Amino acid sequence: MSNISYSDSGVNYQALDPVKKLAQIAARSTARHLSSSGFTESEDTRGESAYVWQQGDLLMASVIEGLGTKNLVADAMRKITGKTYYDIVSHDTVATIINDLVSVGAKPLALFAYWAVGKSEWLADAERTKDLADGWKSACDLAQVSWGGGETPAYAGIINPETIDLAGSAVGIIKDKNNLLTDKKIQAGDRIIFLKSNGINANGLSLARAIANTPSSPPPYKGGGNRLPPLYKGRVGEGYGAKLPSGVMYGEALLTKTNIYAKLVQDLQAAEVDIHYITNITGHGLRKVMRGRPNFTYVIEKIFEPLELFIFMQGQAGLSDFEMYQTFNMGQDYAIYLSAADVARALEVIKQNNFTGIEAGFVEAGEKRVIIKPKNLEYKGETLDLR
């Protein structure tokens, strides 16, 4: 097998990101239509993970997100184990939506499902659709959000008849305007807390699937960073059934549930932790640490060790640390930016919510970039141009 990159697997940010910017430029002038109803937009949130507008004394937030291709892993694993795993992929769809929404400081109110199929018959599988609905409902309960309904269209000729496209939208509220989180609050001297991820979440699955579907022994490792991952012998042709050193199947490791942080953000606000910004580390990997527009240098001094899933993938695909950390979360879920005086209290609230956090680094004046000291990596600002 030759070395696989994310772009080789069909996801090219250099092609996708300019389209996002083009849409944002086109959309910006449409904010004037809010004023006809007496509302105004929070301009700083245009292009953020969620969009915010002012409605009287309140701020309202909205977001739309999709799962991506994680359900294709579930489909393949069902052939191996007999389980549908759709309780997990539906949970992860909700988590992807909610974690973006609450990153601007919003409390979720209502969430709407979008389940699009190629053929209506896909929904006739009673066990799978029950798991889909149950997982969605339980994730909404974790997020403390009302599931307000949704849409289940059938798009023959557009969507593969054997698959489903999972996505959704959500609306939230920010009652205290001081809780609105935008990049204007980031300051030199801020500390950065990382929350530990459960796994791959919902990004990078196209590359993860390419690894599973390419039968071969691994290529030579490209190097980079302080230590080499083990090169796993045997065939990835075992696909999702290939065993990690712990004995867990590759496919099941990919299907670990994503954490949902709605309650945690509310608890941090209730504890009067002065959060300056939050980044949901999904697409673009740890480059997302510099998502905010201001030119700061983000120095990461401590990171969570990569989960064995990522070490396995890196060895199989022959990827450098540079490629891995710009594609996957690598064990870091959320980046929370706050003043040094609030770090200890924030870490305590994180622990009380049964999550793991570390004080990972700090913000300093300088050119826009992310420096990951433990891995000897640097990502420059021009590699993340979303707005």
Protein backbone atom coordinates (compact mmCIF):
# COMPACT_ATOMS: atom_id res chain seq x y z
CA MET A 1 0.00 0.00 0.00
CA SER A 2 1.33 3.46 -0.82
CA ASN A 3 1.18 6.24 1.74
CA ILE A 4 -2.36 7.60 2.14
CA SER A 5 -3.15 11.22 2.92
CA TYR A 6 -6.46 12.83 3.82
CA SER A 7 -6.71 14.44 0.38
CA ASP A 8 -6.05 11.04 -1.24
CA SER A 9 -9.12 9.68 0.59
CA GLY A 10 -11.34 12.34 -0.98
CA VAL A 11 -11.23 15.26 1.49
CA ASN A 12 -9.18 18.23 0.34
CA TYR A 13 -9.42 21.30 2.58
CA GLN A 14 -7.63 23.42 -0.01
CA ALA A 15 -10.64 22.87 -2.24
CA LEU A 16 -13.31 22.98 0.49
CA ASP A 17 -12.24 25.99 2.58
CA PRO A 18 -12.37 28.56 -0.25
CA VAL A 19 -15.97 27.51 -0.95
CA LYS A 20 -16.84 28.16 2.70
CA LYS A 21 -15.30 31.62 2.46
CA LEU A 22 -17.10 32.30 -0.82
CA ALA A 23 -20.44 31.41 0.81
CA GLN A 24 -19.69 33.60 3.83
CA ILE A 25 -18.87 36.60 1.64
CA ALA A 26 -22.09 36.10 -0.32
CA ALA A 27 -24.11 35.64 2.88
CA ARG A 28 -22.76 38.63 4.80
CA SER A 29 -25.01 41.21 3.15
CA THR A 30 -28.11 39.12 3.88
CA ALA A 31 -27.85 40.00 7.59
CA ARG A 32 -29.79 43.17 6.75
CA HIS A 33 -32.94 41.06 6.55
CA LEU A 34 -32.79 40.47 10.31
CA SER A 35 -33.39 44.17 10.90
CA SER A 36 -36.79 44.00 9.22
CA SER A 37 -37.86 41.85 12.18
CA GLY A 38 -36.11 44.02 14.73
CA PHE A 39 -33.07 41.73 15.17
CA THR A 40 -29.35 42.19 14.56
CA GLU A 41 -26.58 39.71 13.97
CA SER A 42 -23.53 39.24 16.17
CA GLU A 43 -21.12 39.85 13.32
CA ASP A 44 -18.17 38.30 15.17
CA THR A 45 -19.89 34.89 15.02
CA ARG A 46 -20.21 34.81 11.23
CA GLY A 47 -17.95 31.95 10.19
CA GLU A 48 -17.69 30.60 13.74
CA SER A 49 -18.96 27.16 14.73
CA ALA A 50 -22.38 28.72 15.44
CA TYR A 51 -24.11 31.90 14.28
CA VAL A 52 -25.59 34.32 16.84
CA TRP A 53 -28.16 37.08 16.55
CA GLN A 54 -29.69 39.47 19.07
CA GLN A 55 -33.37 39.12 19.81
CA GLY A 56 -34.43 41.78 22.32
CA ASP A 57 -32.41 41.26 25.49
CA LEU A 58 -31.45 37.75 24.45
CA LEU A 59 -28.90 36.23 22.10
CA MET A 60 -29.95 33.27 19.96
CA ALA A 61 -27.50 30.83 18.37
CA SER A 62 -27.94 28.33 15.55
CA VAL A 63 -25.82 25.71 13.83
CA ILE A 64 -26.09 22.97 11.21
CA GLU A 65 -23.73 20.00 11.06
CA GLY A 66 -23.37 16.56 9.52
CA LEU A 67 -21.90 13.28 10.67
CA GLY A 68 -19.80 12.61 7.60
CA THR A 69 -19.02 8.98 6.72
CA LYS A 70 -18.85 7.34 10.15
CA ASN A 71 -22.06 5.40 9.47
CA LEU A 72 -20.23 3.54 6.69
CA VAL A 73 -17.96 2.08 9.37
CA ALA A 74 -21.09 0.99 11.27
CA ASP A 75 -22.45 -0.69 8.14
CA ALA A 76 -19.19 -2.61 7.64
CA MET A 77 -18.96 -3.61 11.32
CA ARG A 78 -22.51 -4.97 11.31
CA LYS A 79 -21.38 -7.60 8.81
CA ILE A 80 -18.70 -8.67 11.30
CA THR A 81 -20.54 -8.52 14.65
CA GLY A 82 -24.24 -8.37 13.79
CA LYS A 83 -24.73 -5.14 15.77
CA THR A 84 -26.06 -2.08 13.93
CA TYR A 85 -24.03 0.56 15.86
CA TYR A 86 -26.60 3.15 14.81
CA ASP A 87 -27.16 4.12 18.43
CA ILE A 88 -23.53 5.29 18.33
CA VAL A 89 -23.56 7.08 14.98
CA SER A 90 -26.79 8.90 15.84
CA HIS A 91 -25.28 9.91 19.21
CA ASP A 92 -22.23 11.22 17.36
CA THR A 93 -24.35 13.24 14.95
CA VAL A 94 -26.02 14.99 17.87
CA ALA A 95 -22.65 15.46 19.60
CA THR A 96 -21.18 17.08 16.48
CA ILE A 97 -24.07 19.55 16.31
CA ILE A 98 -24.23 20.33 20.03
CA ASN A 99 -20.50 20.70 20.63
CA ASP A 100 -20.35 23.34 17.90
CA LEU A 101 -23.42 25.14 19.26
CA VAL A 102 -22.21 25.40 22.85
CA SER A 103 -18.73 26.58 21.79
CA VAL A 104 -20.17 30.11 21.50
CA GLY A 105 -21.59 29.89 25.03
CA ALA A 106 -25.14 28.90 24.11
CA LYS A 107 -27.51 26.65 26.04
CA PRO A 108 -29.18 24.22 23.59
CA LEU A 109 -32.95 24.58 23.21
CA ALA A 110 -34.13 22.56 20.21
CA LEU A 111 -32.48 20.18 17.75
CA PHE A 112 -33.75 18.95 14.39
CA ALA A 113 -32.81 15.76 12.54
CA TYR A 114 -32.02 15.35 8.87
CA TRP A 115 -31.94 11.68 7.84
CA ALA A 116 -31.69 11.43 4.06
CA VAL A 117 -31.71 8.05 2.29
CA GLY A 118 -31.31 6.88 -1.29
CA LYS A 119 -34.29 4.54 -0.98
CA SER A 120 -37.12 4.64 1.54
CA GLU A 121 -36.60 0.91 2.08
CA TRP A 122 -33.43 1.69 4.03
CA LEU A 123 -35.70 2.81 6.88
CA ALA A 124 -37.58 -0.51 6.85
CA ASP A 125 -34.81 -2.23 8.83
CA ALA A 126 -36.59 -2.11 12.20
CA GLU A 127 -33.57 -2.91 14.38
CA ARG A 128 -31.37 -0.31 12.72
CA THR A 129 -33.95 2.46 12.73
CA LYS A 130 -34.84 1.76 16.37
CA ASP A 131 -31.16 2.06 17.33
CA LEU A 132 -30.94 5.25 15.26
CA ALA A 133 -33.90 6.84 17.06
CA ASP A 134 -32.89 5.59 20.53
CA GLY A 135 -29.33 6.86 20.16
CA TRP A 136 -30.54 10.24 18.94
CA LYS A 137 -32.98 10.55 21.84
CA SER A 138 -30.45 9.56 24.52
CA ALA A 139 -27.89 12.01 23.10
CA CYS A 140 -30.52 14.78 23.22
CA ASP A 141 -31.12 13.92 26.88
CA LEU A 142 -27.38 14.18 27.60
CA ALA A 143 -27.31 17.56 25.85
CA GLN A 144 -30.52 18.62 27.65
CA VAL A 145 -32.04 19.68 24.32
CA SER A 146 -35.53 19.14 22.91
CA TRP A 147 -35.66 16.99 19.78
CA GLY A 148 -38.06 19.08 17.72
CA GLY A 149 -38.55 16.75 14.77
CA GLY A 150 -36.84 16.71 11.40
CA GLU A 151 -36.90 15.45 7.84
CA THR A 152 -36.42 12.00 6.27
CA PRO A 153 -36.23 12.57 2.49
CA ALA A 154 -35.46 9.84 -0.06
CA TYR A 155 -33.09 10.97 -2.81
CA ALA A 156 -32.81 8.24 -5.40
CA GLY A 157 -29.90 8.92 -7.72
CA ILE A 158 -28.22 11.29 -5.27
CA ILE A 159 -27.60 9.13 -2.21
CA ASN A 160 -26.41 5.54 -2.38
CA PRO A 161 -29.49 3.35 -1.75
CA GLU A 162 -27.53 1.30 0.80
CA THR A 163 -26.62 4.31 2.99
CA ILE A 164 -28.02 7.24 4.94
CA ASP A 165 -26.83 10.84 5.26
CA LEU A 166 -27.09 11.95 8.90
CA ALA A 167 -27.14 15.63 9.79
CA GLY A 168 -29.12 18.16 11.77
CA SER A 169 -29.44 21.67 13.12
CA ALA A 170 -29.94 23.20 16.53
CA VAL A 171 -30.94 26.46 18.18
CA GLY A 172 -29.64 27.72 21.51
CA ILE A 173 -29.94 30.71 23.80
CA ILE A 174 -27.46 32.99 25.57
CA LYS A 175 -29.33 34.82 28.33
CA ASP A 176 -26.30 36.64 29.70
CA LYS A 177 -24.51 38.52 26.92
CA ASN A 178 -21.26 38.19 28.87
CA ASN A 179 -21.40 34.46 28.12
CA LEU A 180 -21.14 35.03 24.36
CA LEU A 181 -17.79 33.57 23.27
CA THR A 182 -16.10 35.16 20.26
CA ASP A 183 -12.48 35.54 19.24
CA LYS A 184 -12.56 39.18 20.43
CA LYS A 185 -12.11 37.89 23.98
CA ILE A 186 -8.82 36.06 23.32
CA GLN A 187 -5.87 37.81 24.98
CA ALA A 188 -2.12 37.36 25.15
CA GLY A 189 -1.46 35.56 28.42
CA ASP A 190 -4.57 33.39 28.20
CA ARG A 191 -4.09 29.76 29.23
CA ILE A 192 -5.40 26.90 27.09
CA ILE A 193 -7.09 23.80 28.55
CA PHE A 194 -7.49 20.67 26.44
CA LEU A 195 -10.26 18.16 27.11
CA LYS A 196 -9.42 14.53 26.40
CA SER A 197 -11.31 12.92 23.53
CA ASN A 198 -12.79 9.43 23.53
CA GLY A 199 -11.58 8.76 20.02
CA ILE A 200 -11.70 9.95 16.44
CA ASN A 201 -15.13 11.61 16.85
CA ALA A 202 -16.62 12.39 13.41
CA ASN A 203 -13.68 13.82 11.49
CA GLY A 204 -11.07 12.08 9.39
CA LEU A 205 -13.29 9.05 8.78
CA SER A 206 -12.66 9.09 5.03
CA LEU A 207 -8.97 8.50 5.70
CA ALA A 208 -9.74 5.95 8.44
CA ARG A 209 -11.95 4.01 6.00
CA ALA A 210 -9.29 4.18 3.28
CA ILE A 211 -6.85 2.56 5.70
CA ALA A 212 -9.30 -0.26 6.45
CA ASN A 213 -10.06 -0.85 2.80
CA THR A 214 -6.48 -1.01 1.52
CA PRO A 215 -5.10 -4.56 1.88
CA SER A 216 -1.37 -4.54 2.42
CA SER A 217 1.30 -4.44 5.05
CA PRO A 218 2.20 -0.91 6.17
CA PRO A 219 4.65 1.27 4.24
CA PRO A 220 7.80 2.68 5.81
CA TYR A 221 7.02 5.37 8.39
CA LYS A 222 7.77 8.90 7.21
CA GLY A 223 8.99 10.04 10.60
CA GLY A 224 8.53 13.31 12.41
CA GLY A 225 8.13 13.93 16.11
CA ASN A 226 9.91 12.38 19.02
CA ARG A 227 8.93 8.75 18.70
CA LEU A 228 7.98 6.34 15.99
CA PRO A 229 4.69 4.46 16.16
CA PRO A 230 4.95 0.70 15.87
CA LEU A 231 4.46 -0.59 12.35
CA TYR A 232 1.72 -3.17 12.60
CA LYS A 233 2.49 -6.36 10.71
CA GLY A 234 -0.19 -8.36 9.00
CA ARG A 235 -2.75 -7.19 6.53
CA VAL A 236 -5.01 -4.22 6.92
CA GLY A 237 -6.98 -6.34 4.50
CA GLU A 238 -8.52 -7.74 7.65
CA GLY A 239 -10.31 -4.42 7.40
CA TYR A 240 -12.32 -3.20 10.33
CA GLY A 241 -11.84 -6.55 12.04
CA ALA A 242 -8.08 -5.99 12.39
CA LYS A 243 -7.09 -6.06 16.05
CA LEU A 244 -5.33 -3.24 17.86
CA PRO A 245 -2.72 -4.28 20.47
CA SER A 246 -5.40 -4.07 23.17
CA GLY A 247 -7.49 -6.64 21.27
CA VAL A 248 -10.17 -4.11 20.25
CA MET A 249 -11.20 -4.32 16.62
CA TYR A 250 -10.21 -1.35 14.49
CA GLY A 251 -13.82 -0.72 13.47
CA GLU A 252 -15.07 -0.69 17.05
CA ALA A 253 -12.32 1.73 18.07
CA LEU A 254 -13.53 4.06 15.30
CA LEU A 255 -17.07 3.80 16.68
CA THR A 256 -16.34 5.06 20.19
CA LYS A 257 -18.94 7.65 21.23
CA THR A 258 -18.05 11.34 21.15
CA ASN A 259 -18.28 13.34 24.38
CA ILE A 260 -21.11 15.89 24.64
CA TYR A 261 -20.12 19.13 26.40
CA ALA A 262 -23.38 21.06 26.75
CA LYS A 263 -23.73 20.56 30.51
CA LEU A 264 -20.02 21.17 31.10
CA VAL A 265 -20.10 24.58 29.40
CA GLN A 266 -23.16 25.57 31.44
CA ASP A 267 -21.48 24.40 34.65
CA LEU A 268 -18.34 26.38 33.85
CA GLN A 269 -20.48 29.47 33.31
CA ALA A 270 -22.38 28.83 36.56
CA ALA A 271 -19.04 28.55 38.39
CA GLU A 272 -18.20 32.00 36.99
CA VAL A 273 -15.20 30.73 35.07
CA ASP A 274 -14.27 33.56 32.72
CA ILE A 275 -14.07 31.65 29.42
CA HIS A 276 -12.62 33.74 26.63
CA TYR A 277 -13.05 31.30 23.74
CA ILE A 278 -13.72 27.65 22.88
CA THR A 279 -12.58 25.68 19.86
CA ASN A 280 -14.14 22.35 18.98
CA ILE A 281 -11.17 20.41 17.58
CA THR A 282 -12.70 18.53 14.67
CA GLY A 283 -11.70 19.06 11.03
CA HIS A 284 -8.23 20.57 10.49
CA GLY A 285 -6.87 18.86 13.59
CA LEU A 286 -4.86 20.94 16.06
CA ARG A 287 -4.64 23.76 13.56
CA LYS A 288 -8.10 24.57 14.92
CA VAL A 289 -6.39 25.95 18.05
CA MET A 290 -5.78 29.13 16.00
CA ARG A 291 -9.33 29.32 14.66
CA GLY A 292 -9.80 32.84 16.05
CA ARG A 293 -9.02 35.68 13.67
CA PRO A 294 -6.58 37.74 15.80
CA ASN A 295 -2.89 37.21 15.18
CA PHE A 296 -1.62 35.33 18.21
CA THR A 297 0.84 32.52 18.69
CA TYR A 298 -0.65 29.50 20.46
CA VAL A 299 2.04 27.57 22.31
CA ILE A 300 1.12 24.00 23.29
CA GLU A 301 3.42 22.62 25.98
CA LYS A 302 1.46 19.52 26.95
CA ILE A 303 -0.80 17.16 25.03
CA PHE A 304 -2.62 13.93 25.72
CA GLU A 305 -0.77 10.90 24.42
CA PRO A 306 -2.33 9.67 21.16
CA LEU A 307 -4.85 6.89 21.62
CA GLU A 308 -3.73 3.53 20.25
CA LEU A 309 -6.25 4.01 17.45
CA PHE A 310 -4.26 6.97 16.12
CA ILE A 311 -0.93 5.16 16.53
CA PHE A 312 -2.37 2.22 14.57
CA MET A 313 -3.64 4.48 11.80
CA GLN A 314 -0.38 6.38 11.61
CA GLY A 315 1.64 3.21 11.26
CA GLN A 316 -0.67 1.72 8.65
CA ALA A 317 -0.90 4.86 6.50
CA GLY A 318 2.76 5.84 6.87
CA LEU A 319 1.80 9.36 7.92
CA SER A 320 4.07 11.87 9.61
CA ASP A 321 3.16 13.58 12.88
CA PHE A 322 2.64 16.75 10.82
CA GLU A 323 -0.11 15.11 8.76
CA MET A 324 -1.71 13.36 11.73
CA TYR A 325 -1.95 16.45 13.93
CA GLN A 326 -3.35 18.59 11.13
CA THR A 327 -6.03 16.00 10.32
CA PHE A 328 -7.18 14.40 13.61
CA ASN A 329 -7.82 15.56 17.17
CA MET A 330 -5.11 13.09 18.32
CA GLY A 331 -6.72 12.89 21.77
CA GLN A 332 -7.61 16.56 22.28
CA ASP A 333 -11.34 17.30 22.02
CA TYR A 334 -11.99 20.88 23.03
CA ALA A 335 -9.64 23.84 23.55
CA ILE A 336 -10.84 26.26 26.25
CA TYR A 337 -9.10 29.65 26.50
CA LEU A 338 -9.27 31.47 29.82
CA SER A 339 -7.31 33.59 32.27
CA ALA A 340 -4.66 31.92 34.40
CA ALA A 341 -6.63 32.77 37.55
CA ASP A 342 -9.53 30.57 36.40
CA VAL A 343 -7.60 27.46 35.37
CA ALA A 344 -7.78 25.59 38.69
CA ARG A 345 -11.53 26.21 39.08
CA ALA A 346 -12.18 25.18 35.48
CA LEU A 347 -10.22 21.93 35.88
CA GLU A 348 -12.24 21.11 39.00
CA VAL A 349 -15.55 21.63 37.18
CA ILE A 350 -14.27 19.50 34.30
CA LYS A 351 -13.41 16.71 36.75
CA GLN A 352 -16.82 16.96 38.42
CA ASN A 353 -18.38 16.38 34.98
CA ASN A 354 -16.30 13.18 34.61
CA PHE A 355 -14.10 14.58 31.84
CA THR A 356 -10.32 14.87 31.83
CA GLY A 357 -8.63 18.21 31.26
CA ILE A 358 -5.04 19.42 31.20
CA GLU A 359 -3.52 22.88 31.19
CA ALA A 360 -1.98 22.53 27.75
CA GLY A 361 -0.42 25.86 26.88
CA PHE A 362 -0.85 29.58 26.46
CA VAL A 363 -1.51 32.46 24.07
CA GLU A 364 1.21 35.00 23.34
CA ALA A 365 1.67 37.98 21.05
CA GLY A 366 3.21 37.11 17.70
CA GLU A 367 2.42 35.85 14.23
CA LYS A 368 -0.59 33.60 13.86
CA ARG A 369 0.56 30.02 14.35
CA VAL A 370 0.27 26.94 16.54
CA ILE A 371 3.43 25.50 18.08
CA ILE A 372 3.12 21.97 19.49
CA LYS A 373 6.30 21.62 21.50
CA PRO A 374 6.02 17.94 22.52
CA LYS A 375 5.92 16.97 18.83
CA ASN A 376 8.20 19.67 17.42
CA LEU A 377 5.42 20.83 15.11
CA GLU A 378 4.40 24.25 13.87
CA TYR A 379 1.36 25.22 11.79
CA LYS A 380 1.31 28.69 10.28
CA GLY A 381 -1.77 30.86 10.08
CA GLU A 382 -2.16 30.63 6.33
CA THR A 383 -2.84 26.88 6.63
CA LEU A 384 -6.19 27.64 8.31
CA ASP A 385 -8.01 30.34 6.39
CA LEU A 386 -11.71 29.82 7.14
CA ARG A 387 -13.00 33.42 7.29
